Amino acid sequence: MANGMTDHRTVAEEPSNLTAEALDLESLAADVVALAVKAGASEAEAVAREGDEFSVNVRMGEVETLKESGSRGLGLRVFQGRRSASASTSDLTPEGIRLLVEGALALAKVTEEDPFAGLPEAAEFGSLQGDLHLYFEDVYSLPGAERIEWARRAEAAALEADPRITNSDGGSFDASTGRMALANSRGFVGGYRSSYAGVSAAPLAVDVNGTMQRDGWWSGARRLKDLDSPESVGKEAARRTLRRLGARRLATQRVPIVFSAEVARSLIGSVFEATSGDSIWRGASFLAGKLGGQIGAKNLTIVDDNTMLLPNGAGGFGTSPFDGEGLPSQRTVVVENGILCTYMLNTYTARKLGMKSTHNASRGLAGTPGIGCGNLYLQPGTQTPEEILAAIPAGLYVTGLMGFGVNVVTGDYSRGATGLWIENGQLTHAVEEVTIAGNLGEMLRNVTAIGNDLEFRGSVASPTLRIDGMTIAGA
């Protein structure tokens, strides 16, 4: 699938498209690269971005915040041998771009040499063929008043669901579109557009003792018609809020933990962080040196697929035709049947480790490429969430996590949690003010059940998970 959309043209000697009005981002990026090389760079890479955003939050029926914004930016990375530097600007006039090039080259002269720095090899560049369905014009098809009304409808549905819901953090509607282009001095030029729309609600409920609880729900999609209705989002937000009423603390104990799908994805994100090449080459991951080893239960398979389409036919939230360095997006099995198959690498970390990039470079306007996931997910099992719960005589069903208590260096895991107590396979009362603790390495080995409820609500997803051997620290 590589090279289908990649333009291996020769960069023009004389820049011809350096005006903000033209907004031909691919030509703009290529011309800036040409300017940098002409000015003395041995290699250069440019990123151009343009985007717009609409966001409204309605609270108790009244508009609380309303934002419409647009942005344009240009980033440049230059090399002088093994020295490199980067700079960025929002000034896309010829004078602004001249200062950008001069500034980047001046910085490169004072940086240290790095033998691993440099662009990928020319033969590695490429882009996925065809329409990946990342952009849909309908995200802005609603007039402004109707966008506000969607937010109002979501909140109203939550407020009307039950008399115990007396307040709200609001309902919201968001829409955005963006374009990006990447070009470098080794002949790669590529670009793509993307879109997003979302609706959410966050109600508050009060129990008979006057104790307040809050929760929320949302729907997001690349096109408007794939969003859940505001009413269904509001009703689900209300259901989740009401089930938190009457929450209690628990005694400290060791019981099975079931992570609901929406919070289990944070565990998968922690695995990605631990497999990141940056963490590995620094020796700052509990998975360093474990490539090819059994790091998880045999039912554990984690995939990063930057190419996938969602069931509705739209591109995944992490899908793109190429990564942040211009390498074609691909599907990578990170963990298969519990065995660590690869680390997640960009070109720099791959060179540091003597490996090949997994095409996971991420790129902002400034700085060097980082490492990011595409559509990262745990492969689903065959059990329904209800079947997983039914097998547990006593345990905790986690529906919310707080804090950032994951240490990828040691694998130590400790996070505040809220949820529901499981008694004889049934969800009974709400739980709050507890901490769940373990070690991520042990947790991966102790995954005893995986649900069939995988759903992508973002670029990282997981089905329901049961993990044994963790400790609940409570009263």
Protein backbone atom coordinates (compact mmCIF):
# COMPACT_ATOMS: atom_id res chain seq x y z
CA MET A 1 0.00 0.00 0.00
CA ALA A 2 3.04 2.30 0.16
CA ASN A 3 3.78 5.18 -2.19
CA GLY A 4 0.24 5.49 -3.53
CA MET A 5 -0.19 9.12 -2.54
CA THR A 6 3.41 10.17 -2.07
CA ASP A 7 4.76 12.94 -4.28
CA HIS A 8 8.47 12.34 -4.94
CA ARG A 9 8.76 15.53 -6.97
CA THR A 10 11.85 17.67 -7.04
CA VAL A 11 11.51 20.63 -4.70
CA ALA A 12 11.46 23.86 -6.68
CA GLU A 13 14.67 25.88 -6.71
CA GLU A 14 12.73 29.12 -6.41
CA PRO A 15 9.98 29.06 -3.74
CA SER A 16 6.69 29.96 -5.37
CA ASN A 17 3.97 29.50 -2.78
CA LEU A 18 4.97 31.30 0.39
CA THR A 19 1.79 33.33 0.91
CA ALA A 20 -0.72 32.64 3.63
CA GLU A 21 -3.56 33.41 1.22
CA ALA A 22 -2.72 30.49 -1.10
CA LEU A 23 -2.95 27.87 1.65
CA ASP A 24 -1.52 25.15 -0.56
CA LEU A 25 0.07 23.50 2.47
CA GLU A 26 1.99 20.84 0.55
CA SER A 27 3.63 23.42 -1.72
CA LEU A 28 4.23 25.71 1.23
CA ALA A 29 6.04 22.98 3.18
CA ALA A 30 8.08 21.92 0.13
CA ASP A 31 9.08 25.50 -0.66
CA VAL A 32 10.21 26.12 2.92
CA VAL A 33 12.37 23.00 2.71
CA ALA A 34 13.90 24.37 -0.49
CA LEU A 35 14.62 27.69 1.21
CA ALA A 36 16.32 25.94 4.13
CA VAL A 37 18.53 23.84 1.86
CA LYS A 38 19.41 26.87 -0.26
CA ALA A 39 20.34 28.71 2.94
CA GLY A 40 22.78 26.01 4.02
CA ALA A 41 20.91 23.11 5.59
CA SER A 42 22.20 19.67 4.59
CA GLU A 43 18.69 18.26 5.17
CA ALA A 44 15.36 19.82 6.13
CA GLU A 45 11.82 18.86 7.06
CA ALA A 46 8.77 21.14 7.25
CA VAL A 47 5.28 20.70 8.71
CA ALA A 48 2.38 23.02 7.89
CA ARG A 49 -0.95 22.93 9.71
CA GLU A 50 -4.25 24.74 9.44
CA GLY A 51 -7.38 24.16 11.51
CA ASP A 52 -10.60 25.60 12.84
CA GLU A 53 -12.64 24.80 15.90
CA PHE A 54 -16.10 25.46 17.32
CA SER A 55 -16.99 24.71 20.94
CA VAL A 56 -20.01 25.59 23.05
CA ASN A 57 -20.91 24.68 26.64
CA VAL A 58 -24.43 25.22 27.90
CA ARG A 59 -25.12 25.11 31.65
CA MET A 60 -28.66 25.03 33.05
CA GLY A 61 -29.96 25.93 29.64
CA GLU A 62 -27.81 29.04 29.19
CA VAL A 63 -24.71 29.42 27.04
CA GLU A 64 -21.72 29.54 29.40
CA THR A 65 -18.84 29.49 26.93
CA LEU A 66 -18.72 29.80 23.16
CA LYS A 67 -15.52 29.59 21.15
CA GLU A 68 -14.75 29.78 17.46
CA SER A 69 -11.11 29.84 16.42
CA GLY A 70 -8.79 29.19 13.55
CA SER A 71 -5.07 28.58 13.46
CA ARG A 72 -2.23 28.27 11.00
CA GLY A 73 1.31 27.27 11.75
CA LEU A 74 4.56 26.16 10.18
CA GLY A 75 7.37 24.16 11.71
CA LEU A 76 10.86 23.56 10.34
CA ARG A 77 13.56 21.09 11.35
CA VAL A 78 17.00 21.54 9.81
CA PHE A 79 20.18 19.49 9.84
CA GLN A 80 23.76 20.53 9.37
CA GLY A 81 25.50 17.21 9.28
CA ARG A 82 24.58 15.54 12.59
CA ARG A 83 23.56 18.81 14.21
CA SER A 84 19.87 19.64 14.16
CA ALA A 85 17.43 22.26 15.42
CA SER A 86 13.80 23.20 14.94
CA ALA A 87 11.65 26.32 15.04
CA SER A 88 8.04 27.23 14.36
CA THR A 89 5.94 30.26 13.47
CA SER A 90 2.38 31.37 12.83
CA ASP A 91 3.60 34.14 10.56
CA LEU A 92 3.29 32.71 7.07
CA THR A 93 4.37 35.85 5.24
CA PRO A 94 7.62 35.67 3.24
CA GLU A 95 9.35 37.72 5.94
CA GLY A 96 8.06 35.45 8.71
CA ILE A 97 9.25 32.38 6.84
CA ARG A 98 12.66 33.95 6.18
CA LEU A 99 13.09 34.55 9.91
CA LEU A 100 11.97 30.98 10.61
CA VAL A 101 14.65 29.53 8.33
CA GLU A 102 17.36 31.81 9.66
CA GLY A 103 16.44 31.07 13.24
CA ALA A 104 16.46 27.30 12.79
CA LEU A 105 19.84 27.36 11.03
CA ALA A 106 21.34 29.60 13.72
CA LEU A 107 20.19 27.18 16.41
CA ALA A 108 21.62 24.19 14.54
CA LYS A 109 25.08 25.74 14.58
CA VAL A 110 25.21 25.74 18.39
CA THR A 111 23.74 22.29 19.07
CA GLU A 112 25.77 19.17 19.81
CA GLU A 113 26.28 16.50 17.17
CA ASP A 114 24.14 13.41 17.51
CA PRO A 115 25.18 10.33 15.46
CA PHE A 116 21.59 9.03 15.47
CA ALA A 117 19.97 12.23 14.18
CA GLY A 118 18.71 12.49 10.62
CA LEU A 119 15.79 11.87 8.30
CA PRO A 120 14.68 8.35 7.39
CA GLU A 121 16.15 6.79 4.28
CA ALA A 122 14.48 7.87 1.04
CA ALA A 123 13.27 4.34 0.24
CA GLU A 124 11.26 4.22 3.49
CA PHE A 125 8.89 7.09 2.70
CA GLY A 126 5.35 6.44 1.54
CA SER A 127 1.66 7.04 2.09
CA LEU A 128 -1.45 4.85 2.13
CA GLN A 129 -3.49 4.76 -1.05
CA GLY A 130 -7.07 5.87 -1.44
CA ASP A 131 -9.53 7.77 0.74
CA LEU A 132 -9.09 6.89 4.42
CA HIS A 133 -12.35 8.70 5.25
CA LEU A 134 -10.78 11.09 7.74
CA TYR A 135 -12.63 14.21 6.61
CA PHE A 136 -16.35 14.92 6.31
CA GLU A 137 -17.78 18.34 5.56
CA ASP A 138 -20.97 17.68 7.52
CA VAL A 139 -19.31 18.44 10.89
CA TYR A 140 -20.10 22.10 10.16
CA SER A 141 -23.42 21.47 8.46
CA LEU A 142 -25.41 22.61 11.50
CA PRO A 143 -25.99 26.36 11.74
CA GLY A 144 -24.51 27.97 14.85
CA ALA A 145 -27.85 28.16 16.64
CA GLU A 146 -28.44 24.44 16.10
CA ARG A 147 -25.00 23.54 17.44
CA ILE A 148 -25.89 25.38 20.62
CA GLU A 149 -29.23 23.59 20.65
CA TRP A 150 -27.48 20.19 20.48
CA ALA A 151 -25.59 21.07 23.65
CA ARG A 152 -28.81 22.30 25.26
CA ARG A 153 -30.67 19.11 24.25
CA ALA A 154 -27.98 16.86 25.75
CA GLU A 155 -28.08 18.70 29.08
CA ALA A 156 -31.88 18.85 29.12
CA ALA A 157 -32.19 15.09 28.56
CA ALA A 158 -29.92 14.50 31.57
CA LEU A 159 -31.78 16.97 33.80
CA GLU A 160 -35.17 15.49 32.88
CA ALA A 161 -34.12 11.89 33.51
CA ASP A 162 -34.68 11.89 37.28
CA PRO A 163 -35.71 14.42 39.99
CA ARG A 164 -32.53 13.64 41.90
CA ILE A 165 -30.56 15.34 39.12
CA THR A 166 -30.74 18.95 40.20
CA ASN A 167 -27.67 20.57 38.68
CA SER A 168 -25.24 20.23 35.84
CA ASP A 169 -21.71 20.92 34.72
CA GLY A 170 -23.26 21.44 31.31
CA GLY A 171 -23.86 20.02 27.89
CA SER A 172 -21.42 20.65 25.07
CA PHE A 173 -21.05 20.45 21.32
CA ASP A 174 -17.71 20.56 19.51
CA ALA A 175 -16.68 20.53 15.86
CA SER A 176 -13.28 20.88 14.23
CA THR A 177 -11.50 20.36 10.95
CA GLY A 178 -7.82 20.40 10.16
CA ARG A 179 -5.24 19.99 7.43
CA MET A 180 -1.59 19.09 7.66
CA ALA A 181 1.25 18.71 5.21
CA LEU A 182 4.75 17.30 5.58
CA ALA A 183 7.70 17.72 3.22
CA ASN A 184 11.40 16.99 3.43
CA SER A 185 14.57 17.33 1.38
CA ARG A 186 14.61 13.62 0.50
CA GLY A 187 11.62 14.02 -1.80
CA PHE A 188 8.62 13.29 0.39
CA VAL A 189 5.58 15.57 0.15
CA GLY A 190 2.22 14.54 1.58
CA GLY A 191 -0.84 15.91 3.30
CA TYR A 192 -4.34 15.09 4.50
CA ARG A 193 -7.49 16.58 6.06
CA SER A 194 -9.42 15.43 9.13
CA SER A 195 -12.63 16.29 10.93
CA TYR A 196 -14.31 15.69 14.30
CA ALA A 197 -17.61 16.38 16.04
CA GLY A 198 -18.68 15.61 19.59
CA VAL A 199 -21.55 16.04 22.05
CA SER A 200 -21.50 15.48 25.81
CA ALA A 201 -23.38 15.99 29.08
CA ALA A 202 -22.24 16.07 32.71
CA PRO A 203 -25.12 16.13 35.23
CA LEU A 204 -25.01 16.27 39.04
CA ALA A 205 -27.30 14.31 41.34
CA VAL A 206 -28.05 14.57 45.07
CA ASP A 207 -29.03 11.67 47.35
CA VAL A 208 -31.32 11.76 50.41
CA ASN A 209 -28.40 12.80 52.62
CA GLY A 210 -27.54 15.75 50.42
CA THR A 211 -24.39 14.12 49.04
CA MET A 212 -23.67 15.20 45.48
CA GLN A 213 -22.28 12.97 42.73
CA ARG A 214 -21.37 13.72 39.16
CA ASP A 215 -20.58 11.73 36.05
CA GLY A 216 -20.96 12.19 32.34
CA TRP A 217 -21.06 10.70 28.89
CA TRP A 218 -20.13 11.71 25.36
CA SER A 219 -20.22 10.71 21.73
CA GLY A 220 -17.55 11.59 19.21
CA ALA A 221 -17.20 10.90 15.49
CA ARG A 222 -15.48 12.09 12.34
CA ARG A 223 -18.84 13.01 10.80
CA LEU A 224 -21.97 14.48 12.30
CA LYS A 225 -24.34 11.73 11.21
CA ASP A 226 -22.38 9.15 13.20
CA LEU A 227 -22.90 10.94 16.51
CA ASP A 228 -25.34 9.52 19.03
CA SER A 229 -28.34 11.79 19.50
CA PRO A 230 -28.04 14.48 22.19
CA GLU A 231 -30.95 12.85 24.01
CA SER A 232 -29.28 9.44 24.20
CA VAL A 233 -26.04 11.03 25.41
CA GLY A 234 -27.91 12.95 28.12
CA LYS A 235 -29.84 9.91 29.29
CA GLU A 236 -26.68 7.79 29.50
CA ALA A 237 -24.92 10.55 31.41
CA ALA A 238 -27.84 10.59 33.85
CA ARG A 239 -27.77 6.82 34.29
CA ARG A 240 -24.09 6.87 35.09
CA THR A 241 -24.51 9.72 37.54
CA LEU A 242 -27.45 8.15 39.38
CA ARG A 243 -25.66 4.84 39.91
CA ARG A 244 -23.01 6.70 41.93
CA LEU A 245 -25.49 7.82 44.60
CA GLY A 246 -25.10 6.23 48.01
CA ALA A 247 -21.41 5.49 47.41
CA ARG A 248 -19.48 3.90 50.27
CA ARG A 249 -15.91 3.18 51.16
CA LEU A 250 -14.60 -0.36 51.39
CA ALA A 251 -12.35 -2.15 53.82
CA THR A 252 -8.84 -2.85 52.54
CA GLN A 253 -8.89 -6.21 50.81
CA ARG A 254 -7.67 -8.21 47.83
CA VAL A 255 -10.39 -9.10 45.34
CA PRO A 256 -10.82 -9.36 41.56
CA ILE A 257 -11.01 -6.01 39.79
CA VAL A 258 -13.13 -5.54 36.66
CA PHE A 259 -12.21 -2.48 34.61
CA SER A 260 -15.09 -1.15 32.54
CA ALA A 261 -14.23 -0.62 28.90
CA GLU A 262 -13.98 3.15 29.17
CA VAL A 263 -11.35 2.99 31.94
CA ALA A 264 -9.54 -0.17 30.79
CA ARG A 265 -8.18 1.82 27.87
CA SER A 266 -5.95 3.75 30.29
CA LEU A 267 -4.17 0.47 31.08
CA ILE A 268 -3.52 -0.10 27.39
CA GLY A 269 -2.18 3.44 27.16
CA SER A 270 0.24 2.66 30.00
CA VAL A 271 1.48 -0.40 28.09
CA PHE A 272 2.14 1.82 25.08
CA GLU A 273 4.12 4.23 27.25
CA ALA A 274 6.18 1.33 28.60
CA THR A 275 6.91 0.05 25.07
CA SER A 276 7.84 3.49 23.71
CA GLY A 277 11.33 3.55 22.28
CA ASP A 278 12.14 6.68 24.28
CA SER A 279 11.49 4.79 27.53
CA ILE A 280 13.30 1.68 26.32
CA TRP A 281 16.61 3.17 25.17
CA ARG A 282 16.81 5.22 28.35
CA GLY A 283 16.22 2.09 30.44
CA ALA A 284 13.19 3.82 31.95
CA SER A 285 10.63 1.04 31.43
CA PHE A 286 9.85 -2.19 33.23
CA LEU A 287 9.63 -3.77 29.76
CA ALA A 288 13.21 -2.91 28.76
CA GLY A 289 15.07 -6.07 27.75
CA LYS A 290 11.89 -8.15 27.56
CA LEU A 291 11.38 -8.19 23.80
CA GLY A 292 10.22 -11.64 22.74
CA GLY A 293 9.33 -12.59 26.30
CA GLN A 294 6.02 -13.48 27.92
CA ILE A 295 4.87 -10.27 29.60
CA GLY A 296 1.13 -10.95 29.84
CA ALA A 297 -1.55 -13.58 29.96
CA LYS A 298 -1.93 -15.75 26.88
CA ASN A 299 -5.28 -14.15 26.09
CA LEU A 300 -3.63 -10.72 25.79
CA THR A 301 -3.06 -9.30 22.30
CA ILE A 302 -2.50 -5.57 21.80
CA VAL A 303 -2.50 -4.04 18.32
CA ASP A 304 -1.64 -0.58 17.02
CA ASP A 305 -3.36 -0.09 13.68
CA ASN A 306 -2.87 3.29 12.02
CA THR A 307 -4.74 2.15 8.89
CA MET A 308 -8.11 0.99 10.18
CA LEU A 309 -11.65 2.04 9.34
CA LEU A 310 -14.32 2.00 12.03
CA PRO A 311 -17.49 -0.12 11.62
CA ASN A 312 -19.35 3.01 10.44
CA GLY A 313 -16.94 3.33 7.51
CA ALA A 314 -15.11 6.39 8.80
CA GLY A 315 -11.39 6.40 9.46
CA GLY A 316 -10.29 5.57 12.98
CA PHE A 317 -9.48 8.39 15.38
CA GLY A 318 -5.79 7.48 15.07
CA THR A 319 -5.78 6.66 11.35
CA SER A 320 -3.54 8.63 8.98
CA PRO A 321 -1.89 7.99 5.60
CA PHE A 322 1.63 8.45 7.00
CA ASP A 323 3.35 9.04 10.32
CA GLY A 324 5.08 12.17 11.57
CA GLU A 325 8.18 11.45 9.49
CA GLY A 326 6.49 10.50 6.23
CA LEU A 327 6.61 6.72 6.64
CA PRO A 328 3.45 4.89 5.49
CA SER A 329 1.04 4.01 8.29
CA GLN A 330 0.82 0.33 9.16
CA ARG A 331 -0.69 -2.24 11.49
CA THR A 332 1.67 -3.38 14.25
CA VAL A 333 1.08 -6.20 16.73
CA VAL A 334 2.66 -4.97 19.95
CA VAL A 335 1.79 -7.93 22.18
CA GLU A 336 0.57 -11.27 20.84
CA ASN A 337 -0.77 -13.98 23.14
CA GLY A 338 1.07 -12.27 25.98
CA ILE A 339 4.43 -12.09 24.16
CA LEU A 340 6.04 -8.68 23.62
CA CYS A 341 6.60 -8.55 19.85
CA THR A 342 8.04 -5.08 19.36
CA TYR A 343 8.80 -1.74 20.87
CA MET A 344 7.06 1.32 19.43
CA LEU A 345 9.66 3.31 17.50
CA ASN A 346 10.31 6.35 15.39
CA THR A 347 13.46 6.64 13.28
CA TYR A 348 15.63 8.12 16.03
CA THR A 349 14.79 5.55 18.73
CA ALA A 350 15.03 2.73 16.19
CA ARG A 351 18.60 3.79 15.38
CA LYS A 352 19.44 4.04 19.08
CA LEU A 353 18.22 0.46 19.58
CA GLY A 354 19.56 -0.97 16.32
CA MET A 355 16.01 -1.69 15.09
CA LYS A 356 13.58 -0.49 12.42
CA SER A 357 10.95 2.21 12.90
CA THR A 358 7.42 0.92 13.53
CA HIS A 359 6.14 4.05 11.73
CA ASN A 360 4.94 5.59 14.99
CA ALA A 361 6.55 9.02 14.73
CA SER A 362 4.34 11.84 15.98
CA ARG A 363 4.96 15.42 14.98
CA GLY A 364 4.04 18.82 16.31
CA LEU A 365 5.14 22.05 14.74
CA ALA A 366 8.22 22.46 16.91
CA GLY A 367 10.75 20.02 18.27
CA THR A 368 11.88 16.62 17.10
CA PRO A 369 9.41 13.83 16.27
CA GLY A 370 8.02 11.97 19.24
CA ILE A 371 6.33 8.58 19.43
CA GLY A 372 2.57 8.22 19.26
CA CYS A 373 0.02 5.49 18.77
CA GLY A 374 -2.48 5.19 15.95
CA ASN A 375 -5.54 3.13 16.86
CA LEU A 376 -4.22 1.21 19.86
CA TYR A 377 -6.48 -1.52 21.22
CA LEU A 378 -6.71 -4.76 23.13
CA GLN A 379 -8.26 -7.49 21.02
CA PRO A 380 -11.67 -8.44 22.42
CA GLY A 381 -12.57 -11.78 23.96
CA THR A 382 -15.82 -13.70 23.72
CA GLN A 383 -17.51 -13.01 27.07
CA THR A 384 -20.05 -10.26 27.61
CA PRO A 385 -19.40 -7.87 30.49
CA GLU A 386 -22.37 -9.44 32.29
CA GLU A 387 -20.82 -12.90 31.99
CA ILE A 388 -17.54 -11.60 33.42
CA LEU A 389 -19.33 -10.05 36.39
CA ALA A 390 -21.47 -13.15 36.97
CA ALA A 391 -18.36 -15.25 37.71
CA ILE A 392 -17.23 -13.02 40.59
CA PRO A 393 -18.53 -13.69 44.12
CA ALA A 394 -17.03 -10.44 45.46
CA GLY A 395 -15.06 -7.74 43.68
CA LEU A 396 -14.94 -4.19 42.37
CA TYR A 397 -16.23 -2.94 39.03
CA VAL A 398 -14.18 0.19 38.29
CA THR A 399 -15.94 2.95 36.36
CA GLY A 400 -13.64 5.88 37.10
CA LEU A 401 -9.97 6.49 37.81
CA MET A 402 -8.20 9.49 39.32
CA GLY A 403 -4.59 10.60 39.49
CA PHE A 404 -1.55 9.50 37.53
CA GLY A 405 -0.16 6.76 39.73
CA VAL A 406 1.49 4.60 37.06
CA ASN A 407 5.29 4.31 37.18
CA VAL A 408 6.43 2.76 33.90
CA VAL A 409 9.99 2.48 35.20
CA THR A 410 9.00 -0.03 37.90
CA GLY A 411 5.49 -0.93 36.77
CA ASP A 412 4.05 0.15 40.13
CA TYR A 413 0.37 1.04 39.79
CA SER A 414 -1.74 2.97 42.30
CA ARG A 415 -4.77 5.06 41.37
CA GLY A 416 -7.84 6.43 43.06
CA ALA A 417 -10.98 4.68 41.87
CA THR A 418 -14.75 4.86 41.88
CA GLY A 419 -17.11 2.10 40.85
CA LEU A 420 -19.65 -0.47 41.91
CA TRP A 421 -19.33 -3.36 44.32
CA ILE A 422 -19.86 -6.85 42.88
CA GLU A 423 -21.69 -9.31 45.13
CA ASN A 424 -22.57 -12.80 43.91
CA GLY A 425 -22.10 -11.72 40.31
CA GLN A 426 -24.35 -8.67 40.62
CA LEU A 427 -23.61 -4.96 40.83
CA THR A 428 -24.86 -3.72 44.20
CA HIS A 429 -23.82 -0.36 45.67
CA ALA A 430 -21.56 2.46 44.53
CA VAL A 431 -17.99 2.71 45.82
CA GLU A 432 -15.79 5.78 46.29
CA GLU A 433 -12.66 6.97 48.10
CA VAL A 434 -10.65 3.83 47.47
CA THR A 435 -7.29 3.20 45.84
CA ILE A 436 -6.51 0.20 43.69
CA ALA A 437 -2.90 -0.94 43.63
CA GLY A 438 -0.68 -3.51 42.00
CA ASN A 439 2.17 -3.82 39.54
CA LEU A 440 1.49 -3.37 35.85
CA GLY A 441 3.67 -6.35 34.94
CA GLU A 442 1.73 -8.61 37.33
CA MET A 443 -1.57 -7.09 36.23
CA LEU A 444 -0.89 -8.00 32.59
CA ARG A 445 -0.11 -11.58 33.61
CA ASN A 446 -3.24 -11.75 35.77
CA VAL A 447 -5.79 -10.79 33.11
CA THR A 448 -8.29 -13.61 33.58
CA ALA A 449 -11.16 -12.43 31.38
CA ILE A 450 -11.57 -10.09 28.40
CA GLY A 451 -14.95 -8.82 27.24
CA ASN A 452 -16.39 -8.70 23.76
CA ASP A 453 -17.39 -5.04 24.06
CA LEU A 454 -14.55 -3.30 22.22
CA GLU A 455 -15.69 0.10 20.99
CA PHE A 456 -13.56 2.94 19.69
CA ARG A 457 -14.50 6.21 21.38
CA GLY A 458 -10.99 7.57 20.84
CA SER A 459 -7.66 6.41 19.46
CA VAL A 460 -7.07 4.03 22.40
CA ALA A 461 -9.67 1.38 23.18
CA SER A 462 -10.19 -1.73 25.26
CA PRO A 463 -13.01 -4.08 26.11
CA THR A 464 -13.97 -4.86 29.72
CA LEU A 465 -11.10 -6.51 31.65
CA ARG A 466 -10.94 -8.69 34.71
CA ILE A 467 -7.64 -8.62 36.63
CA ASP A 468 -6.98 -10.73 39.72
CA GLY A 469 -4.48 -10.16 42.51
CA MET A 470 -4.88 -6.40 42.99
CA THR A 471 -5.38 -4.68 46.34
CA ILE A 472 -8.16 -2.26 47.25
CA ALA A 473 -6.95 0.21 49.87
CA GLY A 474 -9.96 1.62 51.67
CA ALA A 475 -11.17 2.31 55.19
